[in-house]
């Protein structure tokens, strides 16, 4: 079974994290919420407290098949300042393992210089943080091993795209139909 770590920092965008985890689990993908705060309960940007599955320091973060960075503020800033997570991101990038980021979170990848000549999208207004990227126009974009999306309203499409990558198009289509996702 594929494993995906979705990282949570205080002030993460709840829709982006929960939609991804819920959709991946429906596809029988082991999606785990990992807190970088040192505590299991992590408050989101809109005051919704989520109980993470694990704490960053208590797991082997390199064992997952993909990592996901939800956006939100100040969550994105905290994710980008966490030295351990930055090491994981750089290791994944070096190995060509998939890294997915949505909303403001692609800015982390841009600031690390990982998006040079790679198509990427982000929340409107954050484009200047995607250093060297080719700014795409779709709501979900893939450039190499980097998958990016624009924001809360695109979270379900982002999640279904991840299902397609990790499982297959048929599973993604079945979920789309079953969850009444339009277009």
Protein backbone atom coordinates (compact mmCIF):
# COMPACT_ATOMS: atom_id res chain seq x y z
CA UNK A 1 0.00 0.00 0.00
CA UNK A 2 1.28 3.45 -0.90
CA UNK A 3 2.00 5.82 1.98
CA UNK A 4 1.66 9.61 1.92
CA UNK A 5 2.69 12.03 4.66
CA UNK A 6 0.64 15.23 4.87
CA UNK A 7 2.48 17.72 7.08
CA UNK A 8 0.61 20.00 9.49
CA UNK A 9 1.86 23.20 11.11
CA UNK A 10 -0.16 25.59 13.22
CA UNK A 11 -2.24 27.71 10.84
CA UNK A 12 -2.51 25.14 8.01
CA UNK A 13 -5.44 25.38 5.57
CA UNK A 14 -7.90 22.80 6.89
CA UNK A 15 -9.74 22.16 3.59
CA UNK A 16 -6.50 21.41 1.79
CA UNK A 17 -5.18 18.95 4.37
CA UNK A 18 -8.39 17.11 5.22
CA UNK A 19 -9.62 16.87 1.62
CA UNK A 20 -6.35 15.27 0.55
CA UNK A 21 -6.24 12.83 3.48
CA UNK A 22 -9.91 11.86 3.14
CA UNK A 23 -9.70 11.34 -0.63
CA UNK A 24 -6.47 9.34 -0.46
CA UNK A 25 -7.87 7.10 2.28
CA UNK A 26 -10.99 6.46 0.18
CA UNK A 27 -8.57 5.22 -2.50
CA UNK A 28 -6.97 2.87 0.05
CA UNK A 29 -3.79 4.90 0.24
CA UNK A 30 -2.20 5.19 3.68
CA UNK A 31 -2.44 8.97 4.12
CA UNK A 32 -0.96 10.10 7.43
CA UNK A 33 -1.20 13.53 9.00
CA UNK A 34 2.17 14.43 10.51
CA UNK A 35 2.47 17.28 13.01
CA UNK A 36 5.65 19.35 12.95
CA UNK A 37 4.59 21.16 16.15
CA UNK A 38 5.69 18.49 18.63
CA UNK A 39 2.03 17.98 19.60
CA UNK A 40 -0.64 15.78 18.04
CA UNK A 41 -3.40 18.41 18.15
CA UNK A 42 -2.75 21.08 15.53
CA UNK A 43 -4.96 24.18 15.14
CA UNK A 44 -5.67 25.18 11.55
CA UNK A 45 -5.92 28.66 10.08
CA UNK A 46 -9.65 28.81 10.86
CA UNK A 47 -9.53 27.46 14.40
CA UNK A 48 -10.32 23.83 13.56
CA UNK A 49 -8.08 21.57 15.63
CA UNK A 50 -6.99 18.38 13.88
CA UNK A 51 -5.49 15.38 15.67
CA UNK A 52 -2.45 14.32 13.67
CA UNK A 53 -1.64 10.62 13.27
CA UNK A 54 2.01 11.09 14.19
CA UNK A 55 4.56 13.66 15.29
CA UNK A 56 7.44 14.44 12.92
CA UNK A 57 10.19 13.37 15.31
CA UNK A 58 8.56 10.01 16.11
CA UNK A 59 8.59 8.53 12.58
CA UNK A 60 10.92 7.81 9.69
CA UNK A 61 9.78 10.56 7.33
CA UNK A 62 11.66 9.07 4.39
CA UNK A 63 9.54 5.89 4.32
CA UNK A 64 6.61 7.52 2.54
CA UNK A 65 6.01 7.40 -1.21
CA UNK A 66 4.91 11.05 -1.43
CA UNK A 67 4.79 14.12 0.77
CA UNK A 68 2.05 16.76 0.73
CA UNK A 69 2.34 20.34 1.96
CA UNK A 70 -0.99 22.08 2.59
CA UNK A 71 -1.05 25.87 2.42
CA UNK A 72 -2.60 28.35 4.79
CA UNK A 73 -1.04 31.06 6.88
CA UNK A 74 0.95 31.06 9.00
CA UNK A 75 1.17 27.28 8.46
CA UNK A 76 3.10 27.57 5.19
CA UNK A 77 5.68 29.81 6.84
CA UNK A 78 6.13 27.33 9.72
CA UNK A 79 6.50 24.38 7.31
CA UNK A 80 9.16 26.33 5.40
CA UNK A 81 11.08 27.10 8.61
CA UNK A 82 11.16 23.52 9.95
CA UNK A 83 14.72 22.29 9.35
CA UNK A 84 13.80 18.61 9.60
CA UNK A 85 11.01 18.97 7.04
CA UNK A 86 13.30 20.96 4.73
CA UNK A 87 15.76 18.05 4.88
CA UNK A 88 12.96 15.63 3.95
CA UNK A 89 11.86 17.86 1.04
CA UNK A 90 15.42 18.15 -0.27
CA UNK A 91 15.96 14.39 0.06
CA UNK A 92 12.70 13.66 -1.81
CA UNK A 93 13.69 16.14 -4.53
CA UNK A 94 17.15 14.59 -4.88
CA UNK A 95 15.62 11.12 -5.25
CA UNK A 96 12.88 12.28 -7.64
CA UNK A 97 10.13 11.22 -5.24
CA UNK A 98 6.78 13.06 -5.59
CA UNK A 99 6.28 16.27 -3.62
CA UNK A 100 2.82 17.86 -3.70
CA UNK A 101 2.03 21.38 -2.48
CA UNK A 102 -1.11 23.49 -2.63
CA UNK A 103 -2.06 27.15 -2.16
CA UNK A 104 0.84 29.09 -0.57
CA UNK A 105 2.91 25.94 0.07
CA UNK A 106 4.49 25.79 -3.42
CA UNK A 107 6.37 28.90 -2.24
CA UNK A 108 8.42 26.61 0.01
CA UNK A 109 9.60 24.69 -3.04
CA UNK A 110 10.30 27.93 -4.91
CA UNK A 111 12.35 29.39 -2.08
CA UNK A 112 14.40 26.19 -1.99
CA UNK A 113 15.17 26.62 -5.70
CA UNK A 114 13.45 23.35 -6.64
CA UNK A 115 11.08 24.72 -9.27
CA UNK A 116 13.61 26.03 -11.80
CA UNK A 117 12.12 25.56 -15.29
CA UNK A 118 9.32 23.43 -13.78
CA UNK A 119 5.65 24.23 -14.37
CA UNK A 120 3.92 25.15 -11.10
CA UNK A 121 0.87 26.98 -9.77
CA UNK A 122 0.01 28.51 -6.42
CA UNK A 123 -2.45 30.78 -4.66
CA UNK A 124 -2.84 34.02 -6.66
CA UNK A 125 -0.34 36.61 -5.45
CA UNK A 126 2.35 34.07 -4.47
CA UNK A 127 3.71 33.60 -8.00
CA UNK A 128 6.81 35.69 -7.27
CA UNK A 129 7.86 33.13 -4.64
CA UNK A 130 8.06 30.35 -7.25
CA UNK A 131 11.64 31.25 -8.23
CA UNK A 132 12.49 30.03 -11.71
CA UNK A 133 9.17 28.24 -12.24
CA UNK A 134 7.09 28.34 -15.38
CA UNK A 135 3.77 29.60 -14.03
CA UNK A 136 0.98 27.33 -15.24
CA UNK A 137 -2.68 28.20 -15.80
CA UNK A 138 -4.41 24.97 -14.74
CA UNK A 139 -5.77 24.45 -11.22
CA UNK A 140 -3.43 21.47 -10.77
CA UNK A 141 -0.03 21.33 -12.40
CA UNK A 142 2.73 18.75 -12.54
CA UNK A 143 6.31 19.49 -13.45
CA UNK A 144 8.61 16.51 -12.96
CA UNK A 145 8.05 15.13 -9.48
CA UNK A 146 6.38 18.36 -8.25
CA UNK A 147 2.58 18.56 -8.14
CA UNK A 148 1.07 21.93 -7.27
CA UNK A 149 -2.40 23.41 -7.00
CA UNK A 150 -3.96 26.82 -6.47
CA UNK A 151 -5.93 26.76 -3.23
CA UNK A 152 -8.84 25.64 -1.06
CA UNK A 153 -11.35 25.48 -3.92
CA UNK A 154 -9.04 23.24 -5.95
CA UNK A 155 -8.30 20.79 -3.12
CA UNK A 156 -10.61 18.01 -4.38
CA UNK A 157 -9.12 18.15 -7.89
CA UNK A 158 -5.63 18.16 -6.38
CA UNK A 159 -6.50 15.13 -4.23
CA UNK A 160 -8.01 13.23 -7.16
CA UNK A 161 -4.91 13.96 -9.25
CA UNK A 162 -2.79 12.47 -6.45
CA UNK A 163 -5.01 9.36 -6.45
CA UNK A 164 -4.47 9.04 -10.19
CA UNK A 165 -0.69 9.22 -9.69
CA UNK A 166 -0.57 6.85 -6.74
CA UNK A 167 -3.21 4.35 -7.87
CA UNK A 168 -4.68 4.82 -11.35
CA UNK A 169 -7.09 6.90 -13.45
CA UNK A 170 -9.93 4.42 -12.97
CA UNK A 171 -9.81 4.70 -9.18
CA UNK A 172 -9.72 8.50 -9.43
CA UNK A 173 -12.73 8.48 -11.79
CA UNK A 174 -14.71 6.15 -9.49
CA UNK A 175 -14.04 8.46 -6.53
CA UNK A 176 -14.93 11.53 -8.58
CA UNK A 177 -18.26 9.98 -9.54
CA UNK A 178 -18.99 8.63 -6.04
CA UNK A 179 -18.22 11.97 -4.39
CA UNK A 180 -20.27 13.89 -7.02
CA UNK A 181 -17.31 15.99 -8.16
CA UNK A 182 -18.46 18.03 -11.16
CA UNK A 183 -16.44 18.70 -14.38
